[in-house]
C-alpha atoms as a PDB file:
ATOM      1  CA  MET A   1     -11.769  39.464 -13.234  1.00  0.00           C
ATOM      2  CA  ALA A   2     -13.180  38.476 -16.490  1.00  0.00           C
ATOM      3  CA  GLY A   3     -10.239  35.930 -17.013  1.00  0.00           C
ATOM      4  CA  TRP A   4     -10.855  34.117 -13.825  1.00  0.00           C
ATOM      5  CA  ILE A   5     -14.599  33.731 -14.783  1.00  0.00           C
ATOM      6  CA  VAL A   6     -13.621  32.599 -18.235  1.00  0.00           C
ATOM      7  CA  GLY A   7     -11.075  30.008 -16.835  1.00  0.00           C
ATOM      8  CA  ILE A   8     -13.526  28.691 -14.323  1.00  0.00           C
ATOM      9  CA  SER A   9     -16.186  28.164 -16.794  1.00  0.00           C
ATOM     10  CA  PHE A  10     -13.933  26.746 -19.483  1.00  0.00           C
ATOM     11  CA  SER A  11     -12.254  24.215 -17.096  1.00  0.00           C
ATOM     12  CA  SER A  12     -15.595  23.186 -15.543  1.00  0.00           C
ATOM     13  CA  ILE A  13     -16.971  22.535 -19.097  1.00  0.00           C
ATOM     14  CA  VAL A  14     -14.027  20.423 -20.138  1.00  0.00           C
ATOM     15  CA  LEU A  15     -14.034  18.635 -16.896  1.00  0.00           C
ATOM     16  CA  LEU A  16     -17.755  17.943 -17.160  1.00  0.00           C
ATOM     17  CA  ILE A  17     -17.412  16.614 -20.774  1.00  0.00           C
ATOM     18  CA  GLY A  18     -14.609  14.194 -19.604  1.00  0.00           C
ATOM     19  CA  ILE A  19     -16.582  12.913 -16.743  1.00  0.00           C
ATOM     20  CA  TYR A  20     -19.568  12.257 -18.881  1.00  0.00           C
ATOM     21  CA  GLY A  21     -17.346  10.505 -21.510  1.00  0.00           C
ATOM     22  CA  VAL A  22     -15.851   8.238 -18.819  1.00  0.00           C
ATOM     23  CA  LYS A  23     -19.251   7.369 -17.333  1.00  0.00           C
ATOM     24  CA  SER A  24     -21.143   6.682 -20.495  1.00  0.00           C
ATOM     25  CA  ARG A  25     -19.258   3.745 -21.934  1.00  0.00           C
ATOM     26  CA  ARG A  26     -21.716   1.972 -24.044  1.00  0.00           C
ATOM     27  CA  ARG A  27     -19.151  -0.236 -25.779  1.00  0.00           C
ATOM     28  CA  GLN A  28     -16.373  -2.418 -24.374  1.00  0.00           C
ATOM     29  CA  ASP A  29     -13.599  -0.374 -26.050  1.00  0.00           C
ATOM     30  CA  ARG A  30     -11.660   1.812 -24.056  1.00  0.00           C
ATOM     31  CA  ASN A  31     -11.463   5.405 -25.241  1.00  0.00           C
ATOM     32  CA  LYS A  32      -8.597   7.534 -23.969  1.00  0.00           C
ATOM     33  CA  TRP A  33     -10.167  11.012 -25.013  1.00  0.00           C
ATOM     34  CA  PRO A  34     -12.264  11.288 -21.860  1.00  0.00           C
ATOM     35  CA  TRP A  35      -9.425  10.836 -19.579  1.00  0.00           C
ATOM     36  CA  TRP A  36      -7.455  13.514 -21.487  1.00  0.00           C
ATOM     37  CA  PHE A  37     -10.478  15.775 -20.916  1.00  0.00           C
ATOM     38  CA  VAL A  38     -10.496  15.200 -17.216  1.00  0.00           C
ATOM     39  CA  LEU A  39      -6.617  15.684 -17.025  1.00  0.00           C
ATOM     40  CA  PHE A  40      -6.808  18.963 -19.046  1.00  0.00           C
ATOM     41  CA  GLY A  41      -9.784  20.177 -17.031  1.00  0.00           C
ATOM     42  CA  CYS A  42      -8.189  19.549 -13.768  1.00  0.00           C
ATOM     43  CA  CYS A  43      -4.962  21.153 -14.928  1.00  0.00           C
ATOM     44  CA  ALA A  44      -6.887  24.281 -16.102  1.00  0.00           C
ATOM     45  CA  LEU A  45      -8.799  24.514 -12.909  1.00  0.00           C
ATOM     46  CA  ILE A  46      -5.608  24.341 -10.882  1.00  0.00           C
ATOM     47  CA  SER A  47      -4.041  26.886 -12.986  1.00  0.00           C
ATOM     48  CA  VAL A  48      -6.852  29.196 -12.609  1.00  0.00           C
ATOM     49  CA  ILE A  49      -6.848  28.970  -8.911  1.00  0.00           C
ATOM     50  CA  ILE A  50      -3.112  29.452  -8.592  1.00  0.00           C
ATOM     51  CA  ASN A  51      -3.197  32.558 -10.973  1.00  0.00           C
ATOM     52  CA  TYR A  52      -6.072  34.080  -9.119  1.00  0.00           C
ATOM     53  CA  GLN A  53      -4.215  33.822  -5.843  1.00  0.00           C
ATOM     54  CA  PHE A  54      -1.262  35.445  -7.070  1.00  0.00           C
ATOM     55  CA  ARG A  55      -2.741  38.246  -8.933  1.00  0.00           C
END
């Protein structure tokens, strides 16, 4: 049970950081790190959901 809570909270935090980084473009340069955070957060969230269902 604790692993599911930790996984959901970690993936949510990473996903929110990535979304915040994508939305707050103050300069015209294109940073790739927010998109990596969004991708990693989505993959972590999917992994948590799959592993919780097959427990």
